[in-house]
PDB file of N, CA and C in Angstrom:
ATOM      1  N   MET A   1       0.824  -1.179   0.000  1.00  0.00           N
ATOM      2  CA  MET A   1       0.000   0.000   0.000  1.00  0.00           C
ATOM      3  C   MET A   1       0.870   1.245   0.000  1.00  0.00           C
ATOM      4  N   PHE A   2       1.877   1.278   0.846  1.00  0.00           N
ATOM      5  CA  PHE A   2       2.791   2.417   0.946  1.00  0.00           C
ATOM      6  C   PHE A   2       3.444   2.714  -0.408  1.00  0.00           C
ATOM      7  N   ASP A   3       3.829   1.650  -1.130  1.00  0.00           N
ATOM      8  CA  ASP A   3       4.512   1.805  -2.419  1.00  0.00           C
ATOM      9  C   ASP A   3       3.613   2.392  -3.501  1.00  0.00           C
ATOM     10  N   LYS A   4       2.312   2.232  -3.376  1.00  0.00           N
ATOM     11  CA  LYS A   4       1.378   2.714  -4.394  1.00  0.00           C
ATOM     12  C   LYS A   4       1.084   4.198  -4.265  1.00  0.00           C
ATOM     13  N   LEU A   5       1.438   4.793  -3.135  1.00  0.00           N
ATOM     14  CA  LEU A   5       1.215   6.222  -2.927  1.00  0.00           C
ATOM     15  C   LEU A   5       2.339   7.031  -3.575  1.00  0.00           C
ATOM     16  N   PRO A   6       2.006   8.192  -4.170  1.00  0.00           N
ATOM     17  CA  PRO A   6       3.063   9.057  -4.717  1.00  0.00           C
ATOM     18  C   PRO A   6       3.896   9.665  -3.588  1.00  0.00           C
ATOM     19  N   GLN A   7       5.014  10.261  -3.924  1.00  0.00           N
ATOM     20  CA  GLN A   7       5.905  10.852  -2.918  1.00  0.00           C
ATOM     21  C   GLN A   7       5.173  11.905  -2.091  1.00  0.00           C
ATOM     22  N   GLN A   8       4.388  12.749  -2.740  1.00  0.00           N
ATOM     23  CA  GLN A   8       3.593  13.764  -2.041  1.00  0.00           C
ATOM     24  C   GLN A   8       2.160  13.637  -2.541  1.00  0.00           C
ATOM     25  N   PHE A   9       1.203  13.667  -1.633  1.00  0.00           N
ATOM     26  CA  PHE A   9      -0.184  13.439  -2.019  1.00  0.00           C
ATOM     27  C   PHE A   9      -1.139  14.088  -1.025  1.00  0.00           C
ATOM     28  N   LYS A  10      -2.372  14.299  -1.487  1.00  0.00           N
ATOM     29  CA  LYS A  10      -3.444  14.795  -0.636  1.00  0.00           C
ATOM     30  C   LYS A  10      -4.147  13.592  -0.025  1.00  0.00           C
ATOM     31  N   THR A  11      -4.787  13.815   1.102  1.00  0.00           N
ATOM     32  CA  THR A  11      -5.533  12.734   1.755  1.00  0.00           C
ATOM     33  C   THR A  11      -6.555  12.147   0.780  1.00  0.00           C
ATOM     34  N   SER A  12      -7.247  12.999   0.049  1.00  0.00           N
ATOM     35  CA  SER A  12      -8.275  12.527  -0.890  1.00  0.00           C
ATOM     36  C   SER A  12      -7.682  11.646  -1.987  1.00  0.00           C
ATOM     37  N   GLU A  13      -6.468  11.964  -2.444  1.00  0.00           N
ATOM     38  CA  GLU A  13      -5.806  11.139  -3.459  1.00  0.00           C
ATOM     39  C   GLU A  13      -5.456   9.770  -2.878  1.00  0.00           C
ATOM     40  N   GLY A  14      -4.983   9.748  -1.649  1.00  0.00           N
ATOM     41  CA  GLY A  14      -4.658   8.487  -0.989  1.00  0.00           C
ATOM     42  C   GLY A  14      -5.895   7.625  -0.790  1.00  0.00           C
ATOM     43  N   ILE A  15      -7.001   8.258  -0.413  1.00  0.00           N
ATOM     44  CA  ILE A  15      -8.256   7.527  -0.228  1.00  0.00           C
ATOM     45  C   ILE A  15      -8.723   6.937  -1.551  1.00  0.00           C
ATOM     46  N   GLU A  16      -8.561   7.690  -2.626  1.00  0.00           N
ATOM     47  CA  GLU A  16      -8.938   7.202  -3.960  1.00  0.00           C
ATOM     48  C   GLU A  16      -8.119   5.962  -4.333  1.00  0.00           C
ATOM     49  N   ILE A  17      -6.834   5.979  -4.024  1.00  0.00           N
ATOM     50  CA  ILE A  17      -5.956   4.846  -4.340  1.00  0.00           C
ATOM     51  C   ILE A  17      -6.347   3.612  -3.537  1.00  0.00           C
ATOM     52  N   ILE A  18      -6.575   3.777  -2.241  1.00  0.00           N
ATOM     53  CA  ILE A  18      -6.935   2.605  -1.428  1.00  0.00           C
ATOM     54  C   ILE A  18      -8.332   2.094  -1.759  1.00  0.00           C
ATOM     55  N   SER A  19      -9.215   2.995  -2.206  1.00  0.00           N
ATOM     56  CA  SER A  19     -10.568   2.574  -2.592  1.00  0.00           C
ATOM     57  C   SER A  19     -10.526   1.695  -3.834  1.00  0.00           C
ATOM     58  N   LYS A  20      -9.672   2.050  -4.782  1.00  0.00           N
ATOM     59  CA  LYS A  20      -9.531   1.251  -6.007  1.00  0.00           C
ATOM     60  C   LYS A  20      -8.965  -0.126  -5.692  1.00  0.00           C
ATOM     61  N   GLU A  21      -8.035  -0.170  -4.765  1.00  0.00           N
ATOM     62  CA  GLU A  21      -7.381  -1.426  -4.399  1.00  0.00           C
ATOM     63  C   GLU A  21      -8.224  -2.229  -3.403  1.00  0.00           C
ATOM     64  N   ASP A  22      -9.141  -1.546  -2.719  1.00  0.00           N
ATOM     65  CA  ASP A  22      -9.962  -2.160  -1.667  1.00  0.00           C
ATOM     66  C   ASP A  22      -9.072  -2.836  -0.624  1.00  0.00           C
ATOM     67  N   SER A  23      -7.960  -2.164  -0.322  1.00  0.00           N
ATOM     68  CA  SER A  23      -6.958  -2.753   0.568  1.00  0.00           C
ATOM     69  C   SER A  23      -7.080  -2.313   2.023  1.00  0.00           C
ATOM     70  N   MET A  24      -7.790  -1.208   2.265  1.00  0.00           N
ATOM     71  CA  MET A  24      -7.838  -0.671   3.623  1.00  0.00           C
ATOM     72  C   MET A  24      -9.084   0.205   3.752  1.00  0.00           C
ATOM     73  N   LYS A  25      -9.659   0.239   4.944  1.00  0.00           N
ATOM     74  CA  LYS A  25     -10.795   1.124   5.184  1.00  0.00           C
ATOM     75  C   LYS A  25     -10.286   2.555   5.338  1.00  0.00           C
ATOM     76  N   ILE A  26     -11.152   3.517   5.070  1.00  0.00           N
ATOM     77  CA  ILE A  26     -10.770   4.932   5.094  1.00  0.00           C
ATOM     78  C   ILE A  26     -10.252   5.349   6.472  1.00  0.00           C
ATOM     79  N   ARG A  27     -10.928   4.954   7.529  1.00  0.00           N
ATOM     80  CA  ARG A  27     -10.494   5.323   8.884  1.00  0.00           C
ATOM     81  C   ARG A  27      -9.121   4.737   9.190  1.00  0.00           C
ATOM     82  N   SER A  28      -8.884   3.507   8.765  1.00  0.00           N
ATOM     83  CA  SER A  28      -7.574   2.878   8.975  1.00  0.00           C
ATOM     84  C   SER A  28      -6.491   3.631   8.209  1.00  0.00           C
ATOM     85  N   PHE A  29      -6.817   4.072   7.001  1.00  0.00           N
ATOM     86  CA  PHE A  29      -5.856   4.839   6.192  1.00  0.00           C
ATOM     87  C   PHE A  29      -5.501   6.147   6.883  1.00  0.00           C
ATOM     88  N   LYS A  30      -6.499   6.842   7.417  1.00  0.00           N
ATOM     89  CA  LYS A  30      -6.235   8.107   8.112  1.00  0.00           C
ATOM     90  C   LYS A  30      -5.370   7.888   9.353  1.00  0.00           C
ATOM     91  N   ASN A  31      -5.576   6.788  10.043  1.00  0.00           N
ATOM     92  CA  ASN A  31      -4.712   6.461  11.191  1.00  0.00           C
ATOM     93  C   ASN A  31      -3.306   6.121  10.717  1.00  0.00           C
ATOM     94  N   PHE A  32      -3.192   5.454   9.580  1.00  0.00           N
ATOM     95  CA  PHE A  32      -1.915   5.096   8.969  1.00  0.00           C
ATOM     96  C   PHE A  32      -1.104   6.363   8.663  1.00  0.00           C
ATOM     97  N   LEU A  33      -1.780   7.427   8.237  1.00  0.00           N
ATOM     98  CA  LEU A  33      -1.109   8.692   7.913  1.00  0.00           C
ATOM     99  C   LEU A  33      -0.494   9.363   9.140  1.00  0.00           C
ATOM    100  N   LYS A  34      -0.957   9.017  10.319  1.00  0.00           N
ATOM    101  CA  LYS A  34      -0.438   9.622  11.546  1.00  0.00           C
ATOM    102  C   LYS A  34       0.926   9.071  11.950  1.00  0.00           C
ATOM    103  N   ASP A  35       1.372   8.018  11.282  1.00  0.00           N
ATOM    104  CA  ASP A  35       2.671   7.414  11.598  1.00  0.00           C
ATOM    105  C   ASP A  35       3.783   8.335  11.095  1.00  0.00           C
ATOM    106  N   GLU A  36       4.425   9.044  12.005  1.00  0.00           N
ATOM    107  CA  GLU A  36       5.436  10.039  11.646  1.00  0.00           C
ATOM    108  C   GLU A  36       6.721   9.424  11.105  1.00  0.00           C
ATOM    109  N   LYS A  37       6.902   8.124  11.292  1.00  0.00           N
ATOM    110  CA  LYS A  37       8.075   7.452  10.725  1.00  0.00           C
ATOM    111  C   LYS A  37       7.896   7.242   9.228  1.00  0.00           C
ATOM    112  N   LEU A  38       6.640   7.181   8.780  1.00  0.00           N
ATOM    113  CA  LEU A  38       6.351   6.920   7.366  1.00  0.00           C
ATOM    114  C   LEU A  38       5.956   8.173   6.593  1.00  0.00           C
ATOM    115  N   PHE A  39       5.269   9.103   7.264  1.00  0.00           N
ATOM    116  CA  PHE A  39       4.731  10.283   6.578  1.00  0.00           C
ATOM    117  C   PHE A  39       5.043  11.563   7.327  1.00  0.00           C
ATOM    118  N   LYS A  40       5.226  12.632   6.565  1.00  0.00           N
ATOM    119  CA  LYS A  40       5.411  13.968   7.125  1.00  0.00           C
ATOM    120  C   LYS A  40       4.242  14.814   6.642  1.00  0.00           C
ATOM    121  N   LYS A  41       3.582  15.494   7.568  1.00  0.00           N
ATOM    122  CA  LYS A  41       2.460  16.356   7.204  1.00  0.00           C
ATOM    123  C   LYS A  41       3.017  17.699   6.737  1.00  0.00           C
ATOM    124  N   ILE A  42       2.780  18.031   5.480  1.00  0.00           N
ATOM    125  CA  ILE A  42       3.280  19.269   4.885  1.00  0.00           C
ATOM    126  C   ILE A  42       2.337  20.427   5.206  1.00  0.00           C
ATOM    127  N   ALA A  43       1.050  20.197   5.004  1.00  0.00           N
ATOM    128  CA  ALA A  43       0.008  21.188   5.271  1.00  0.00           C
ATOM    129  C   ALA A  43      -1.280  20.422   5.538  1.00  0.00           C
ATOM    130  N   HIS A  44      -2.339  21.143   5.783  1.00  0.00           N
ATOM    131  CA  HIS A  44      -3.624  20.497   6.048  1.00  0.00           C
ATOM    132  C   HIS A  44      -4.012  19.604   4.872  1.00  0.00           C
ATOM    133  N   GLY A  45      -4.064  18.298   5.112  1.00  0.00           N
ATOM    134  CA  GLY A  45      -4.479  17.346   4.083  1.00  0.00           C
ATOM    135  C   GLY A  45      -3.424  16.981   3.060  1.00  0.00           C
ATOM    136  N   ILE A  46      -2.181  17.433   3.255  1.00  0.00           N
ATOM    137  CA  ILE A  46      -1.100  17.135   2.311  1.00  0.00           C
ATOM    138  C   ILE A  46       0.030  16.433   3.062  1.00  0.00           C
ATOM    139  N   TYR A  47       0.417  15.276   2.545  1.00  0.00           N
ATOM    140  CA  TYR A  47       1.438  14.447   3.198  1.00  0.00           C
ATOM    141  C   TYR A  47       2.554  14.110   2.227  1.00  0.00           C
ATOM    142  N   GLU A  48       3.705  13.793   2.800  1.00  0.00           N
ATOM    143  CA  GLU A  48       4.868  13.384   2.018  1.00  0.00           C
ATOM    144  C   GLU A  48       5.447  12.122   2.648  1.00  0.00           C
ATOM    145  N   LYS A  49       5.801  11.163   1.808  1.00  0.00           N
ATOM    146  CA  LYS A  49       6.407   9.947   2.328  1.00  0.00           C
ATOM    147  C   LYS A  49       7.829  10.254   2.791  1.00  0.00           C
ATOM    148  N   GLN A  50       8.212   9.671   3.907  1.00  0.00           N
ATOM    149  CA  GLN A  50       9.570   9.821   4.425  1.00  0.00           C
ATOM    150  C   GLN A  50      10.476   8.875   3.649  1.00  0.00           C
ATOM    151  N   VAL A  51      11.679   9.329   3.367  1.00  0.00           N
ATOM    152  CA  VAL A  51      12.660   8.520   2.651  1.00  0.00           C
ATOM    153  C   VAL A  51      13.496   7.785   3.687  1.00  0.00           C
ATOM    154  N   PHE A  52      13.717   6.517   3.446  1.00  0.00           N
ATOM    155  CA  PHE A  52      14.511   5.713   4.378  1.00  0.00           C
ATOM    156  C   PHE A  52      15.937   5.611   3.906  1.00  0.00           C
TER     157      PHE A  52
END
């Protein structure tokens, strides 16, 4: 799921991707975005994947 997201994306774009894949519920996805090791919040509703 993480690999299918672009480097920078809006919450709505991420929800659209997971909806197509039917891989995760919307609430679970929003909780997933709170993981600061994986994502950095750029602005309201805009996230960036962290580089490892």
